[in-house]
PDB file of N, CA and C in Angstrom:
ATOM      1  N   MET A   1      88.760  60.044  89.204  1.00  0.00           N
ATOM      2  CA  MET A   1      88.216  61.228  89.688  1.00  0.00           C
ATOM      3  C   MET A   1      87.356  60.916  90.892  1.00  0.00           C
ATOM      4  N   THR A   2      87.505  61.667  92.003  1.00  0.00           N
ATOM      5  CA  THR A   2      86.920  61.539  93.223  1.00  0.00           C
ATOM      6  C   THR A   2      86.422  63.022  93.783  1.00  0.00           C
ATOM      7  N   GLY A   3      85.480  62.898  94.558  1.00  0.00           N
ATOM      8  CA  GLY A   3      84.867  64.165  95.041  1.00  0.00           C
ATOM      9  C   GLY A   3      83.844  64.996  94.118  1.00  0.00           C
ATOM     10  N   ALA A   4      83.543  66.053  94.547  1.00  0.00           N
ATOM     11  CA  ALA A   4      82.455  66.719  93.819  1.00  0.00           C
ATOM     12  C   ALA A   4      82.829  67.342  92.636  1.00  0.00           C
ATOM     13  N   ILE A   5      82.199  67.344  91.612  1.00  0.00           N
ATOM     14  CA  ILE A   5      82.689  67.952  90.452  1.00  0.00           C
ATOM     15  C   ILE A   5      81.914  69.378  90.524  1.00  0.00           C
ATOM     16  N   PRO A   6      82.696  70.463  90.168  1.00  0.00           N
ATOM     17  CA  PRO A   6      82.309  71.943  90.191  1.00  0.00           C
ATOM     18  C   PRO A   6      80.924  72.234  89.341  1.00  0.00           C
ATOM     19  N   GLY A   7      80.308  73.362  89.658  1.00  0.00           N
ATOM     20  CA  GLY A   7      79.152  73.774  88.855  1.00  0.00           C
ATOM     21  C   GLY A   7      79.722  74.164  87.392  1.00  0.00           C
ATOM     22  N   TYR A   8      78.833  73.768  86.433  1.00  0.00           N
ATOM     23  CA  TYR A   8      79.091  74.158  85.178  1.00  0.00           C
ATOM     24  C   TYR A   8      78.909  75.576  84.589  1.00  0.00           C
ATOM     25  N   TRP A   9      79.600  76.157  83.812  1.00  0.00           N
ATOM     26  CA  TRP A   9      79.323  77.541  83.572  1.00  0.00           C
ATOM     27  C   TRP A   9      77.869  77.654  82.922  1.00  0.00           C
ATOM     28  N   MET A  10      77.302  76.915  82.336  1.00  0.00           N
ATOM     29  CA  MET A  10      76.008  77.087  81.589  1.00  0.00           C
ATOM     30  C   MET A  10      74.954  77.158  82.862  1.00  0.00           C
ATOM     31  N   HIS A  11      75.188  76.586  83.853  1.00  0.00           N
ATOM     32  CA  HIS A  11      74.200  76.681  85.054  1.00  0.00           C
ATOM     33  C   HIS A  11      74.312  77.981  85.966  1.00  0.00           C
ATOM     34  N   GLU A  12      75.279  78.669  85.713  1.00  0.00           N
ATOM     35  CA  GLU A  12      75.527  79.914  86.303  1.00  0.00           C
ATOM     36  C   GLU A  12      74.327  80.972  86.174  1.00  0.00           C
ATOM     37  N   THR A  13      73.832  81.487  87.178  1.00  0.00           N
ATOM     38  CA  THR A  13      72.775  82.402  87.281  1.00  0.00           C
ATOM     39  C   THR A  13      72.893  83.914  87.283  1.00  0.00           C
ATOM     40  N   SER A  14      74.186  84.344  87.456  1.00  0.00           N
ATOM     41  CA  SER A  14      74.286  85.763  87.733  1.00  0.00           C
ATOM     42  C   SER A  14      74.118  86.570  86.473  1.00  0.00           C
ATOM     43  N   GLY A  15      74.350  85.856  85.249  1.00  0.00           N
ATOM     44  CA  GLY A  15      74.193  86.570  84.028  1.00  0.00           C
ATOM     45  C   GLY A  15      75.530  87.268  83.555  1.00  0.00           C
ATOM     46  N   VAL A  16      76.653  86.916  84.345  1.00  0.00           N
ATOM     47  CA  VAL A  16      77.864  87.571  84.150  1.00  0.00           C
ATOM     48  C   VAL A  16      78.731  86.535  83.291  1.00  0.00           C
ATOM     49  N   LEU A  17      78.937  85.509  83.810  1.00  0.00           N
ATOM     50  CA  LEU A  17      79.672  84.473  83.332  1.00  0.00           C
ATOM     51  C   LEU A  17      79.314  83.800  81.861  1.00  0.00           C
ATOM     52  N   ARG A  18      78.172  83.601  81.629  1.00  0.00           N
ATOM     53  CA  ARG A  18      77.703  83.037  80.236  1.00  0.00           C
ATOM     54  C   ARG A  18      78.183  84.019  79.181  1.00  0.00           C
ATOM     55  N   PRO A  19      77.924  85.518  79.273  1.00  0.00           N
ATOM     56  CA  PRO A  19      78.586  86.173  78.348  1.00  0.00           C
ATOM     57  C   PRO A  19      79.905  86.170  77.827  1.00  0.00           C
ATOM     58  N   ALA A  20      80.534  85.959  79.180  1.00  0.00           N
ATOM     59  CA  ALA A  20      82.066  85.997  79.139  1.00  0.00           C
ATOM     60  C   ALA A  20      82.644  84.795  78.349  1.00  0.00           C
ATOM     61  N   VAL A  21      82.139  83.627  78.826  1.00  0.00           N
ATOM     62  CA  VAL A  21      82.451  82.317  78.177  1.00  0.00           C
ATOM     63  C   VAL A  21      82.080  82.475  76.560  1.00  0.00           C
ATOM     64  N   GLU A  22      80.844  82.922  76.356  1.00  0.00           N
ATOM     65  CA  GLU A  22      80.518  82.859  75.095  1.00  0.00           C
ATOM     66  C   GLU A  22      81.379  83.835  74.217  1.00  0.00           C
ATOM     67  N   ALA A  23      81.833  84.838  74.827  1.00  0.00           N
ATOM     68  CA  ALA A  23      82.814  85.766  73.972  1.00  0.00           C
ATOM     69  C   ALA A  23      84.088  85.101  73.791  1.00  0.00           C
ATOM     70  N   TYR A  24      84.514  84.339  74.808  1.00  0.00           N
ATOM     71  CA  TYR A  24      85.864  83.727  74.841  1.00  0.00           C
ATOM     72  C   TYR A  24      85.473  82.571  73.420  1.00  0.00           C
ATOM     73  N   LEU A  25      84.552  81.859  73.530  1.00  0.00           N
ATOM     74  CA  LEU A  25      84.386  80.689  72.456  1.00  0.00           C
ATOM     75  C   LEU A  25      84.007  81.167  71.219  1.00  0.00           C
ATOM     76  N   ARG A  26      83.712  82.315  70.936  1.00  0.00           N
ATOM     77  CA  ARG A  26      83.366  83.127  69.758  1.00  0.00           C
ATOM     78  C   ARG A  26      84.696  83.940  69.125  1.00  0.00           C
ATOM     79  N   HIS A  27      85.715  83.944  69.987  1.00  0.00           N
ATOM     80  CA  HIS A  27      86.864  84.755  69.825  1.00  0.00           C
ATOM     81  C   HIS A  27      86.389  86.284  69.551  1.00  0.00           C
ATOM     82  N   ASP A  28      85.309  86.638  70.217  1.00  0.00           N
ATOM     83  CA  ASP A  28      85.167  87.990  70.310  1.00  0.00           C
ATOM     84  C   ASP A  28      86.164  88.714  71.225  1.00  0.00           C
ATOM     85  N   PRO A  29      86.150  90.077  71.266  1.00  0.00           N
ATOM     86  CA  PRO A  29      87.039  90.726  72.170  1.00  0.00           C
ATOM     87  C   PRO A  29      86.410  90.595  73.584  1.00  0.00           C
ATOM     88  N   MET A  30      87.222  90.581  74.649  1.00  0.00           N
ATOM     89  CA  MET A  30      86.760  90.220  75.940  1.00  0.00           C
ATOM     90  C   MET A  30      87.156  91.672  76.780  1.00  0.00           C
ATOM     91  N   THR A  31      86.268  91.979  77.550  1.00  0.00           N
ATOM     92  CA  THR A  31      86.615  93.113  78.540  1.00  0.00           C
ATOM     93  C   THR A  31      87.457  92.308  79.778  1.00  0.00           C
ATOM     94  N   PRO A  32      88.164  93.438  80.407  1.00  0.00           N
ATOM     95  CA  PRO A  32      88.714  92.944  81.578  1.00  0.00           C
ATOM     96  C   PRO A  32      87.611  92.222  82.567  1.00  0.00           C
ATOM     97  N   GLY A  33      86.611  92.608  82.813  1.00  0.00           N
ATOM     98  CA  GLY A  33      85.491  92.119  83.554  1.00  0.00           C
ATOM     99  C   GLY A  33      85.185  90.624  83.026  1.00  0.00           C
ATOM    100  N   GLN A  34      85.134  90.521  81.755  1.00  0.00           N
ATOM    101  CA  GLN A  34      84.889  89.125  81.399  1.00  0.00           C
ATOM    102  C   GLN A  34      85.963  88.117  81.673  1.00  0.00           C
ATOM    103  N   ILE A  35      87.250  88.669  81.603  1.00  0.00           N
ATOM    104  CA  ILE A  35      88.322  87.927  81.784  1.00  0.00           C
ATOM    105  C   ILE A  35      88.380  87.499  83.061  1.00  0.00           C
ATOM    106  N   ALA A  36      87.981  88.479  84.013  1.00  0.00           N
ATOM    107  CA  ALA A  36      87.916  88.070  85.557  1.00  0.00           C
ATOM    108  C   ALA A  36      86.957  87.198  85.817  1.00  0.00           C
ATOM    109  N   ALA A  37      85.766  87.140  85.190  1.00  0.00           N
ATOM    110  CA  ALA A  37      84.696  86.245  85.376  1.00  0.00           C
ATOM    111  C   ALA A  37      85.209  84.992  85.129  1.00  0.00           C
ATOM    112  N   VAL A  38      85.715  84.634  83.932  1.00  0.00           N
ATOM    113  CA  VAL A  38      86.162  83.497  83.400  1.00  0.00           C
ATOM    114  C   VAL A  38      87.186  83.029  84.334  1.00  0.00           C
ATOM    115  N   ARG A  39      88.288  83.790  84.759  1.00  0.00           N
ATOM    116  CA  ARG A  39      89.267  83.422  85.800  1.00  0.00           C
ATOM    117  C   ARG A  39      88.631  82.820  86.971  1.00  0.00           C
ATOM    118  N   GLY A  40      87.622  83.621  87.484  1.00  0.00           N
ATOM    119  CA  GLY A  40      86.984  83.150  88.804  1.00  0.00           C
ATOM    120  C   GLY A  40      86.274  82.000  88.618  1.00  0.00           C
ATOM    121  N   TYR A  41      85.473  81.659  87.450  1.00  0.00           N
ATOM    122  CA  TYR A  41      84.904  80.374  87.065  1.00  0.00           C
ATOM    123  C   TYR A  41      86.029  79.168  87.079  1.00  0.00           C
ATOM    124  N   LEU A  42      87.189  79.516  86.408  1.00  0.00           N
ATOM    125  CA  LEU A  42      88.183  78.463  86.388  1.00  0.00           C
ATOM    126  C   LEU A  42      88.592  78.201  87.602  1.00  0.00           C
ATOM    127  N   HIS A  43      88.867  79.282  88.580  1.00  0.00           N
ATOM    128  CA  HIS A  43      89.332  79.064  90.034  1.00  0.00           C
ATOM    129  C   HIS A  43      88.296  78.187  90.626  1.00  0.00           C
ATOM    130  N   GLN A  44      87.091  78.328  90.657  1.00  0.00           N
ATOM    131  CA  GLN A  44      86.205  77.377  91.514  1.00  0.00           C
ATOM    132  C   GLN A  44      86.193  76.025  90.744  1.00  0.00           C
ATOM    133  N   TRP A  45      86.229  75.835  89.535  1.00  0.00           N
ATOM    134  CA  TRP A  45      86.253  74.587  88.722  1.00  0.00           C
ATOM    135  C   TRP A  45      87.589  73.887  89.335  1.00  0.00           C
ATOM    136  N   PHE A  46      88.728  74.438  89.110  1.00  0.00           N
ATOM    137  CA  PHE A  46      89.956  73.628  89.519  1.00  0.00           C
ATOM    138  C   PHE A  46      90.078  73.547  90.927  1.00  0.00           C
ATOM    139  N   ALA A  47      89.399  74.208  91.851  1.00  0.00           N
ATOM    140  CA  ALA A  47      89.433  74.156  93.348  1.00  0.00           C
ATOM    141  C   ALA A  47      88.780  73.027  93.676  1.00  0.00           C
ATOM    142  N   ALA A  48      87.808  72.437  92.978  1.00  0.00           N
ATOM    143  CA  ALA A  48      87.177  71.260  93.313  1.00  0.00           C
ATOM    144  C   ALA A  48      87.927  69.926  93.646  1.00  0.00           C
ATOM    145  N   PRO A  49      87.410  69.277  94.761  1.00  0.00           N
ATOM    146  CA  PRO A  49      88.165  68.142  94.981  1.00  0.00           C
ATOM    147  C   PRO A  49      88.146  66.961  94.027  1.00  0.00           C
ATOM    148  N   ALA A  50      87.471  67.146  93.037  1.00  0.00           N
ATOM    149  CA  ALA A  50      87.377  66.096  92.032  1.00  0.00           C
ATOM    150  C   ALA A  50      88.625  65.961  91.365  1.00  0.00           C
ATOM    151  N   TRP A  51      89.431  66.954  91.198  1.00  0.00           N
ATOM    152  CA  TRP A  51      90.472  66.667  90.327  1.00  0.00           C
ATOM    153  C   TRP A  51      92.066  66.515  91.139  1.00  0.00           C
ATOM    154  N   LYS A  52      92.437  65.501  90.614  1.00  0.00           N
ATOM    155  CA  LYS A  52      93.801  64.932  91.228  1.00  0.00           C
ATOM    156  C   LYS A  52      94.808  64.855  90.113  1.00  0.00           C
ATOM    157  N   GLY A  53      95.813  64.454  90.632  1.00  0.00           N
ATOM    158  CA  GLY A  53      97.164  64.499  89.626  1.00  0.00           C
ATOM    159  C   GLY A  53      98.206  65.335  89.693  1.00  0.00           C
ATOM    160  N   PRO A  54      99.323  65.149  89.154  1.00  0.00           N
ATOM    161  CA  PRO A  54     100.436  65.996  89.189  1.00  0.00           C
ATOM    162  C   PRO A  54     100.406  67.215  88.564  1.00  0.00           C
ATOM    163  N   MET A  55      99.416  67.271  87.616  1.00  0.00           N
ATOM    164  CA  MET A  55      99.228  68.621  87.142  1.00  0.00           C
ATOM    165  C   MET A  55      98.184  69.553  87.539  1.00  0.00           C
ATOM    166  N   ILE A  56      97.548  69.220  88.495  1.00  0.00           N
ATOM    167  CA  ILE A  56      96.484  69.951  88.903  1.00  0.00           C
ATOM    168  C   ILE A  56      96.938  71.359  89.589  1.00  0.00           C
ATOM    169  N   ASP A  57      98.003  71.235  90.517  1.00  0.00           N
ATOM    170  CA  ASP A  57      98.661  72.320  91.003  1.00  0.00           C
ATOM    171  C   ASP A  57      99.226  73.362  90.034  1.00  0.00           C
ATOM    172  N   PRO A  58      99.924  72.876  88.925  1.00  0.00           N
ATOM    173  CA  PRO A  58     100.296  73.819  87.848  1.00  0.00           C
ATOM    174  C   PRO A  58      99.266  74.660  87.187  1.00  0.00           C
ATOM    175  N   ILE A  59      98.159  73.736  87.015  1.00  0.00           N
ATOM    176  CA  ILE A  59      96.975  74.414  86.466  1.00  0.00           C
ATOM    177  C   ILE A  59      96.265  75.423  87.517  1.00  0.00           C
ATOM    178  N   ARG A  60      96.147  75.024  88.637  1.00  0.00           N
ATOM    179  CA  ARG A  60      95.442  76.169  89.584  1.00  0.00           C
ATOM    180  C   ARG A  60      96.466  77.322  89.681  1.00  0.00           C
ATOM    181  N   THR A  61      97.820  77.236  89.677  1.00  0.00           N
ATOM    182  CA  THR A  61      98.723  78.286  89.630  1.00  0.00           C
ATOM    183  C   THR A  61      98.477  79.214  88.276  1.00  0.00           C
ATOM    184  N   ALA A  62      98.313  78.502  87.130  1.00  0.00           N
ATOM    185  CA  ALA A  62      98.159  79.207  85.912  1.00  0.00           C
ATOM    186  C   ALA A  62      96.899  79.866  86.010  1.00  0.00           C
ATOM    187  N   VAL A  63      95.848  79.447  86.485  1.00  0.00           N
ATOM    188  CA  VAL A  63      94.592  80.056  86.641  1.00  0.00           C
ATOM    189  C   VAL A  63      94.570  81.418  87.351  1.00  0.00           C
ATOM    190  N   GLU A  64      95.327  81.312  88.517  1.00  0.00           N
ATOM    191  CA  GLU A  64      95.523  82.685  89.178  1.00  0.00           C
ATOM    192  C   GLU A  64      96.333  83.598  88.473  1.00  0.00           C
ATOM    193  N   ALA A  65      96.957  83.303  87.365  1.00  0.00           N
ATOM    194  CA  ALA A  65      97.797  84.188  86.852  1.00  0.00           C
ATOM    195  C   ALA A  65      96.993  84.751  85.469  1.00  0.00           C
ATOM    196  N   ILE A  66      95.826  84.367  85.316  1.00  0.00           N
ATOM    197  CA  ILE A  66      95.136  84.689  83.988  1.00  0.00           C
ATOM    198  C   ILE A  66      94.866  86.229  83.836  1.00  0.00           C
ATOM    199  N   THR A  67      95.345  86.991  82.902  1.00  0.00           N
ATOM    200  CA  THR A  67      95.078  88.503  82.669  1.00  0.00           C
ATOM    201  C   THR A  67      94.587  88.730  81.299  1.00  0.00           C
ATOM    202  N   CYS A  68      94.407  87.739  80.517  1.00  0.00           N
ATOM    203  CA  CYS A  68      94.067  87.900  78.958  1.00  0.00           C
ATOM    204  C   CYS A  68      93.635  86.621  78.606  1.00  0.00           C
ATOM    205  N   ARG A  69      93.026  86.702  77.129  1.00  0.00           N
ATOM    206  CA  ARG A  69      92.433  85.566  76.483  1.00  0.00           C
ATOM    207  C   ARG A  69      93.582  84.426  76.290  1.00  0.00           C
ATOM    208  N   ALA A  70      94.809  84.899  76.111  1.00  0.00           N
ATOM    209  CA  ALA A  70      95.845  83.887  75.825  1.00  0.00           C
ATOM    210  C   ALA A  70      96.041  83.031  76.858  1.00  0.00           C
ATOM    211  N   ASP A  71      96.044  83.724  78.053  1.00  0.00           N
ATOM    212  CA  ASP A  71      96.147  83.006  79.419  1.00  0.00           C
ATOM    213  C   ASP A  71      95.039  81.893  79.687  1.00  0.00           C
ATOM    214  N   ILE A  72      93.830  82.324  79.312  1.00  0.00           N
ATOM    215  CA  ILE A  72      92.861  81.458  79.251  1.00  0.00           C
ATOM    216  C   ILE A  72      92.998  80.260  78.374  1.00  0.00           C
ATOM    217  N   SER A  73      93.316  80.331  77.307  1.00  0.00           N
ATOM    218  CA  SER A  73      93.521  79.473  76.280  1.00  0.00           C
ATOM    219  C   SER A  73      94.654  78.493  76.816  1.00  0.00           C
ATOM    220  N   ARG A  74      95.888  78.987  77.354  1.00  0.00           N
ATOM    221  CA  ARG A  74      96.997  78.250  77.945  1.00  0.00           C
ATOM    222  C   ARG A  74      96.412  77.297  79.097  1.00  0.00           C
ATOM    223  N   VAL A  75      95.484  77.899  79.989  1.00  0.00           N
ATOM    224  CA  VAL A  75      95.000  77.078  81.100  1.00  0.00           C
ATOM    225  C   VAL A  75      94.180  75.959  80.482  1.00  0.00           C
ATOM    226  N   LEU A  76      93.321  76.231  79.469  1.00  0.00           N
ATOM    227  CA  LEU A  76      92.483  75.278  79.047  1.00  0.00           C
ATOM    228  C   LEU A  76      93.155  74.169  78.222  1.00  0.00           C
ATOM    229  N   GLU A  77      94.238  74.550  77.543  1.00  0.00           N
ATOM    230  CA  GLU A  77      95.236  73.498  76.832  1.00  0.00           C
ATOM    231  C   GLU A  77      95.788  72.613  77.745  1.00  0.00           C
ATOM    232  N   MET A  78      96.151  73.035  78.904  1.00  0.00           N
ATOM    233  CA  MET A  78      96.807  72.131  80.109  1.00  0.00           C
ATOM    234  C   MET A  78      95.803  71.232  80.667  1.00  0.00           C
ATOM    235  N   ALA A  79      94.548  71.723  80.821  1.00  0.00           N
ATOM    236  CA  ALA A  79      93.457  71.055  81.510  1.00  0.00           C
ATOM    237  C   ALA A  79      93.071  69.806  80.513  1.00  0.00           C
ATOM    238  N   VAL A  80      92.863  70.306  79.263  1.00  0.00           N
ATOM    239  CA  VAL A  80      92.465  69.191  78.243  1.00  0.00           C
ATOM    240  C   VAL A  80      93.367  68.260  78.030  1.00  0.00           C
ATOM    241  N   ARG A  81      94.831  68.556  78.087  1.00  0.00           N
ATOM    242  CA  ARG A  81      95.731  67.287  78.210  1.00  0.00           C
ATOM    243  C   ARG A  81      95.615  66.487  79.269  1.00  0.00           C
ATOM    244  N   GLU A  82      94.930  67.063  80.569  1.00  0.00           N
ATOM    245  CA  GLU A  82      94.725  66.135  81.803  1.00  0.00           C
ATOM    246  C   GLU A  82      93.452  65.564  81.653  1.00  0.00           C
ATOM    247  N   GLY A  83      92.718  65.684  80.604  1.00  0.00           N
ATOM    248  CA  GLY A  83      91.382  65.104  80.446  1.00  0.00           C
ATOM    249  C   GLY A  83      90.277  65.808  81.211  1.00  0.00           C
ATOM    250  N   ILE A  84      90.431  67.042  81.424  1.00  0.00           N
ATOM    251  CA  ILE A  84      89.577  68.025  82.075  1.00  0.00           C
ATOM    252  C   ILE A  84      89.153  69.175  81.229  1.00  0.00           C
ATOM    253  N   ASP A  85      87.924  69.273  80.863  1.00  0.00           N
ATOM    254  CA  ASP A  85      87.258  70.390  79.948  1.00  0.00           C
ATOM    255  C   ASP A  85      86.160  70.996  80.806  1.00  0.00           C
ATOM    256  N   PRO A  86      86.607  72.214  81.377  1.00  0.00           N
ATOM    257  CA  PRO A  86      85.566  72.830  81.970  1.00  0.00           C
ATOM    258  C   PRO A  86      84.601  73.799  81.147  1.00  0.00           C
ATOM    259  N   LEU A  87      84.867  73.782  79.820  1.00  0.00           N
ATOM    260  CA  LEU A  87      83.900  74.477  78.750  1.00  0.00           C
ATOM    261  C   LEU A  87      83.085  73.465  78.014  1.00  0.00           C
TER     262      LEU A  87
END
């Protein structure tokens, strides 16, 4: 891994992302706004130059297609298989 690692969700200060990630982790219902917040977080996370390899572009593409909890799970599964865990 080279380059800067992106900001971690627990350090975000807007007050929007933390409840969204916590809802995801608790398997609580998520609002469209919470899904959008997690998508935005994952976008900035995977846009970081730290991540390299043949699967990073497919992960980035999958992030942009997130519209529901299942999409978030799919992206996170792809990432964990690559040794990247943004949560």
